[in-house]
Amino acid sequence: MPCFSCGARQTDPVRGASPWTRGVRDETQVLVCPDCRRTHDVDLDTCSSCGSAALICRLGEVECRSCGAVRLARGGGRPVVSCAPGLADEVEAALARVLRRVH
């Protein structure tokens, strides 16, 4: 998954904590690269109970990792899914390389 702000791709992590940040924006789980986190005002959704931006979105719910509050995503309980342009093609090509398939 690329950085939602600049589109940079996350590389294989080194040992230890990742410098990338997870968050929720417009009911969608996003990643924020270290550069954007440092240099931009990242506009992530916040918890309506405690104001924290430590949210995760899964299975049509948004949960606050700070206070534990859970609410339905605006999609009416259906998972809200977004896909970066070209991501499906990149995944297909990577699988083909790994599985040694030729198109």
N, C-alpha and C. Protein backbone atom coordinates (compact mmCIF):
# COMPACT_ATOMS: atom_id res chain seq x y z
N MET A 1 0.85 -1.17 0.00
CA MET A 1 0.00 0.00 0.00
C MET A 1 0.90 1.23 0.00
N PRO A 2 0.66 2.17 -0.90
CA PRO A 2 1.50 3.37 -0.96
C PRO A 2 1.07 4.42 0.08
N CYS A 3 1.94 5.40 0.28
CA CYS A 3 1.60 6.54 1.12
C CYS A 3 0.42 7.26 0.47
N PHE A 4 -0.60 7.54 1.25
CA PHE A 4 -1.79 8.17 0.68
C PHE A 4 -1.51 9.59 0.19
N SER A 5 -0.47 10.22 0.71
CA SER A 5 -0.19 11.60 0.37
C SER A 5 0.70 11.74 -0.86
N CYS A 6 1.84 11.03 -0.89
CA CYS A 6 2.79 11.20 -1.99
C CYS A 6 2.89 9.99 -2.91
N GLY A 7 2.32 8.86 -2.51
CA GLY A 7 2.34 7.67 -3.35
C GLY A 7 3.58 6.81 -3.23
N ALA A 8 4.51 7.16 -2.33
CA ALA A 8 5.72 6.35 -2.14
C ALA A 8 5.33 4.96 -1.67
N ARG A 9 6.05 3.97 -2.14
CA ARG A 9 5.80 2.58 -1.76
C ARG A 9 6.65 2.21 -0.56
N GLN A 10 6.06 1.46 0.36
CA GLN A 10 6.79 0.97 1.52
C GLN A 10 7.70 -0.17 1.07
N THR A 11 8.95 -0.15 1.53
CA THR A 11 9.89 -1.21 1.19
C THR A 11 9.95 -2.20 2.34
N ASP A 12 10.67 -3.29 2.13
CA ASP A 12 10.81 -4.27 3.20
C ASP A 12 11.42 -3.59 4.42
N PRO A 13 10.78 -3.76 5.57
CA PRO A 13 11.25 -3.05 6.77
C PRO A 13 12.52 -3.68 7.34
N VAL A 14 13.30 -2.84 7.99
CA VAL A 14 14.42 -3.34 8.77
C VAL A 14 13.85 -3.75 10.12
N ARG A 15 14.64 -4.42 10.90
CA ARG A 15 14.16 -4.84 12.23
C ARG A 15 13.79 -3.62 13.07
N GLY A 16 12.81 -3.81 13.91
CA GLY A 16 12.39 -2.73 14.78
C GLY A 16 11.08 -2.11 14.32
N ALA A 17 10.71 -1.05 14.98
CA ALA A 17 9.45 -0.37 14.68
C ALA A 17 9.50 0.30 13.31
N SER A 18 8.40 0.24 12.61
CA SER A 18 8.32 0.86 11.28
C SER A 18 8.18 2.37 11.43
N PRO A 19 8.87 3.13 10.58
CA PRO A 19 8.72 4.58 10.62
C PRO A 19 7.42 5.04 9.95
N TRP A 20 6.72 4.14 9.28
CA TRP A 20 5.46 4.46 8.62
C TRP A 20 4.34 4.49 9.66
N THR A 21 3.32 5.30 9.40
CA THR A 21 2.18 5.44 10.31
C THR A 21 0.91 4.95 9.62
N ARG A 22 0.11 4.18 10.36
CA ARG A 22 -1.20 3.79 9.86
C ARG A 22 -2.22 4.76 10.41
N GLY A 23 -3.28 4.98 9.64
CA GLY A 23 -4.35 5.84 10.09
C GLY A 23 -5.58 5.62 9.24
N VAL A 24 -6.60 6.40 9.50
CA VAL A 24 -7.84 6.34 8.74
C VAL A 24 -8.11 7.72 8.17
N ARG A 25 -8.46 7.74 6.90
CA ARG A 25 -8.84 8.99 6.24
C ARG A 25 -10.05 8.72 5.37
N ASP A 26 -11.11 9.45 5.59
CA ASP A 26 -12.36 9.27 4.84
C ASP A 26 -12.81 7.82 4.87
N GLU A 27 -12.77 7.22 6.07
CA GLU A 27 -13.25 5.85 6.30
C GLU A 27 -12.40 4.78 5.63
N THR A 28 -11.18 5.11 5.22
CA THR A 28 -10.29 4.17 4.55
C THR A 28 -8.98 4.08 5.30
N GLN A 29 -8.48 2.86 5.52
CA GLN A 29 -7.19 2.66 6.14
C GLN A 29 -6.11 3.16 5.20
N VAL A 30 -5.19 3.99 5.70
CA VAL A 30 -4.11 4.53 4.88
C VAL A 30 -2.77 4.39 5.59
N LEU A 31 -1.71 4.50 4.81
CA LEU A 31 -0.36 4.56 5.34
C LEU A 31 0.21 5.94 5.05
N VAL A 32 1.06 6.42 5.96
CA VAL A 32 1.73 7.71 5.78
C VAL A 32 3.22 7.45 5.89
N CYS A 33 3.97 7.86 4.86
CA CYS A 33 5.42 7.63 4.87
C CYS A 33 6.08 8.59 5.87
N PRO A 34 7.30 8.25 6.28
CA PRO A 34 8.01 9.11 7.26
C PRO A 34 8.21 10.54 6.77
N ASP A 35 8.50 10.72 5.46
CA ASP A 35 8.73 12.07 4.94
C ASP A 35 7.46 12.92 5.04
N CYS A 36 6.32 12.37 4.63
CA CYS A 36 5.07 13.13 4.69
C CYS A 36 4.67 13.40 6.13
N ARG A 37 4.95 12.45 7.01
CA ARG A 37 4.62 12.64 8.42
C ARG A 37 5.41 13.80 9.01
N ARG A 38 6.67 13.95 8.56
CA ARG A 38 7.53 15.03 9.06
C ARG A 38 7.21 16.38 8.42
N THR A 39 6.92 16.38 7.12
CA THR A 39 6.87 17.65 6.40
C THR A 39 5.47 18.16 6.06
N HIS A 40 4.44 17.33 6.20
CA HIS A 40 3.09 17.76 5.84
C HIS A 40 2.16 17.70 7.06
N ASP A 41 1.13 18.51 7.01
CA ASP A 41 0.08 18.41 8.00
C ASP A 41 -0.86 17.31 7.52
N VAL A 42 -0.67 16.11 8.03
CA VAL A 42 -1.43 14.94 7.59
C VAL A 42 -2.83 15.00 8.18
N ASP A 43 -3.82 15.06 7.32
CA ASP A 43 -5.21 15.22 7.74
C ASP A 43 -5.89 13.86 7.88
N LEU A 44 -5.70 13.22 9.04
CA LEU A 44 -6.31 11.92 9.29
C LEU A 44 -7.59 12.10 10.12
N ASP A 45 -8.51 11.14 9.99
CA ASP A 45 -9.71 11.15 10.81
C ASP A 45 -9.31 11.01 12.28
N THR A 46 -10.13 11.54 13.16
CA THR A 46 -9.87 11.41 14.59
C THR A 46 -11.08 10.80 15.29
N CYS A 47 -10.84 10.27 16.47
CA CYS A 47 -11.88 9.64 17.27
C CYS A 47 -12.83 10.71 17.80
N SER A 48 -14.12 10.47 17.67
CA SER A 48 -15.09 11.43 18.18
C SER A 48 -15.18 11.40 19.71
N SER A 49 -14.66 10.34 20.34
CA SER A 49 -14.70 10.25 21.80
C SER A 49 -13.51 10.92 22.47
N CYS A 50 -12.29 10.62 21.95
CA CYS A 50 -11.10 11.13 22.63
C CYS A 50 -10.23 12.04 21.77
N GLY A 51 -10.51 12.15 20.47
CA GLY A 51 -9.75 13.03 19.59
C GLY A 51 -8.47 12.43 19.03
N SER A 52 -8.15 11.18 19.37
CA SER A 52 -6.93 10.54 18.89
C SER A 52 -7.03 10.22 17.40
N ALA A 53 -5.89 10.25 16.72
CA ALA A 53 -5.83 9.86 15.30
C ALA A 53 -5.40 8.41 15.16
N ALA A 54 -5.26 7.69 16.27
CA ALA A 54 -4.84 6.28 16.25
C ALA A 54 -6.05 5.39 15.95
N LEU A 55 -6.53 5.47 14.71
CA LEU A 55 -7.71 4.70 14.30
C LEU A 55 -7.31 3.59 13.35
N ILE A 56 -8.10 2.52 13.36
CA ILE A 56 -7.97 1.46 12.36
C ILE A 56 -9.36 1.20 11.79
N CYS A 57 -9.39 0.85 10.52
CA CYS A 57 -10.64 0.59 9.83
C CYS A 57 -10.60 -0.85 9.34
N ARG A 58 -11.61 -1.62 9.76
CA ARG A 58 -11.66 -3.02 9.34
C ARG A 58 -13.09 -3.52 9.37
N LEU A 59 -13.44 -4.31 8.39
CA LEU A 59 -14.75 -4.95 8.32
C LEU A 59 -15.90 -4.00 8.57
N GLY A 60 -15.81 -2.81 7.99
CA GLY A 60 -16.91 -1.85 8.09
C GLY A 60 -17.00 -1.13 9.42
N GLU A 61 -15.97 -1.26 10.24
CA GLU A 61 -15.94 -0.56 11.52
C GLU A 61 -14.67 0.28 11.62
N VAL A 62 -14.77 1.35 12.39
CA VAL A 62 -13.60 2.17 12.70
C VAL A 62 -13.40 2.08 14.21
N GLU A 63 -12.20 1.68 14.61
CA GLU A 63 -11.90 1.51 16.04
C GLU A 63 -10.76 2.42 16.45
N CYS A 64 -10.90 3.04 17.61
CA CYS A 64 -9.85 3.88 18.17
C CYS A 64 -8.91 3.00 19.00
N ARG A 65 -7.64 3.04 18.67
CA ARG A 65 -6.66 2.24 19.41
C ARG A 65 -6.29 2.90 20.73
N SER A 66 -6.69 4.15 20.94
CA SER A 66 -6.39 4.83 22.20
C SER A 66 -7.43 4.54 23.26
N CYS A 67 -8.71 4.74 22.92
CA CYS A 67 -9.76 4.57 23.94
C CYS A 67 -10.65 3.35 23.72
N GLY A 68 -10.51 2.69 22.55
CA GLY A 68 -11.30 1.49 22.29
C GLY A 68 -12.68 1.72 21.71
N ALA A 69 -13.06 2.98 21.47
CA ALA A 69 -14.37 3.27 20.90
C ALA A 69 -14.48 2.65 19.51
N VAL A 70 -15.64 2.07 19.21
CA VAL A 70 -15.89 1.44 17.91
C VAL A 70 -17.16 2.03 17.34
N ARG A 71 -17.14 2.33 16.04
CA ARG A 71 -18.35 2.80 15.38
C ARG A 71 -18.40 2.20 13.98
N LEU A 72 -19.59 2.16 13.40
CA LEU A 72 -19.74 1.69 12.03
C LEU A 72 -19.16 2.72 11.08
N ALA A 73 -18.53 2.23 10.03
CA ALA A 73 -18.05 3.13 8.99
C ALA A 73 -19.27 3.70 8.27
N ARG A 74 -19.11 4.84 7.65
CA ARG A 74 -20.24 5.47 6.97
C ARG A 74 -20.79 4.62 5.83
N GLY A 75 -20.08 3.60 5.41
CA GLY A 75 -20.53 2.73 4.33
C GLY A 75 -21.69 1.84 4.75
N GLY A 76 -22.29 2.09 5.90
CA GLY A 76 -23.45 1.33 6.35
C GLY A 76 -23.12 -0.07 6.80
N GLY A 77 -21.91 -0.28 7.35
CA GLY A 77 -21.54 -1.60 7.82
C GLY A 77 -20.81 -2.43 6.77
N ARG A 78 -20.83 -1.97 5.52
CA ARG A 78 -20.08 -2.66 4.47
C ARG A 78 -18.66 -2.16 4.53
N PRO A 79 -17.67 -3.05 4.31
CA PRO A 79 -16.29 -2.57 4.31
C PRO A 79 -16.10 -1.52 3.22
N VAL A 80 -15.40 -0.45 3.56
CA VAL A 80 -15.08 0.59 2.59
C VAL A 80 -13.70 0.25 2.04
N VAL A 81 -13.61 0.00 0.76
CA VAL A 81 -12.38 -0.47 0.15
C VAL A 81 -11.92 0.52 -0.91
N SER A 82 -10.66 0.83 -0.89
CA SER A 82 -10.09 1.62 -1.97
C SER A 82 -8.83 0.93 -2.44
N CYS A 83 -8.47 1.17 -3.66
CA CYS A 83 -7.30 0.53 -4.24
C CYS A 83 -6.53 1.58 -5.03
N ALA A 84 -5.24 1.64 -4.78
CA ALA A 84 -4.41 2.60 -5.51
C ALA A 84 -4.40 2.24 -6.99
N PRO A 85 -4.42 3.24 -7.87
CA PRO A 85 -4.39 2.97 -9.30
C PRO A 85 -3.16 2.14 -9.68
N GLY A 86 -3.37 1.08 -10.44
CA GLY A 86 -2.28 0.24 -10.89
C GLY A 86 -1.82 -0.81 -9.90
N LEU A 87 -2.36 -0.78 -8.69
CA LEU A 87 -1.92 -1.72 -7.66
C LEU A 87 -2.22 -3.16 -8.05
N ALA A 88 -3.40 -3.43 -8.61
CA ALA A 88 -3.75 -4.79 -9.00
C ALA A 88 -2.77 -5.32 -10.05
N ASP A 89 -2.38 -4.47 -11.00
CA ASP A 89 -1.42 -4.89 -12.02
C ASP A 89 -0.05 -5.18 -11.41
N GLU A 90 0.37 -4.36 -10.45
CA GLU A 90 1.65 -4.59 -9.78
C GLU A 90 1.64 -5.89 -9.01
N VAL A 91 0.55 -6.17 -8.32
CA VAL A 91 0.44 -7.41 -7.56
C VAL A 91 0.46 -8.62 -8.50
N GLU A 92 -0.28 -8.53 -9.58
CA GLU A 92 -0.31 -9.62 -10.55
C GLU A 92 1.09 -9.88 -11.12
N ALA A 93 1.82 -8.83 -11.46
CA ALA A 93 3.18 -8.99 -11.99
C ALA A 93 4.11 -9.59 -10.95
N ALA A 94 4.00 -9.16 -9.70
CA ALA A 94 4.84 -9.70 -8.63
C ALA A 94 4.55 -11.18 -8.41
N LEU A 95 3.27 -11.55 -8.41
CA LEU A 95 2.93 -12.97 -8.25
C LEU A 95 3.46 -13.79 -9.42
N ALA A 96 3.37 -13.25 -10.60
CA ALA A 96 3.88 -13.96 -11.77
C ALA A 96 5.39 -14.19 -11.65
N ARG A 97 6.12 -13.18 -11.16
CA ARG A 97 7.57 -13.33 -10.98
C ARG A 97 7.88 -14.39 -9.93
N VAL A 98 7.17 -14.32 -8.82
CA VAL A 98 7.42 -15.26 -7.72
C VAL A 98 7.06 -16.68 -8.13
N LEU A 99 5.97 -16.83 -8.82
CA LEU A 99 5.51 -18.16 -9.22
C LEU A 99 6.09 -18.59 -10.57
N ARG A 100 6.96 -17.75 -11.13
CA ARG A 100 7.67 -18.01 -12.37
C ARG A 100 6.72 -18.27 -13.55
N ARG A 101 5.64 -17.51 -13.58
CA ARG A 101 4.71 -17.60 -14.71
C ARG A 101 5.10 -16.56 -15.73
N VAL A 102 4.87 -16.86 -16.98
CA VAL A 102 5.16 -15.92 -18.06
C VAL A 102 3.86 -15.62 -18.77
N HIS A 103 3.56 -14.33 -19.00
CA HIS A 103 2.34 -13.95 -19.71
C HIS A 103 2.63 -13.74 -21.16
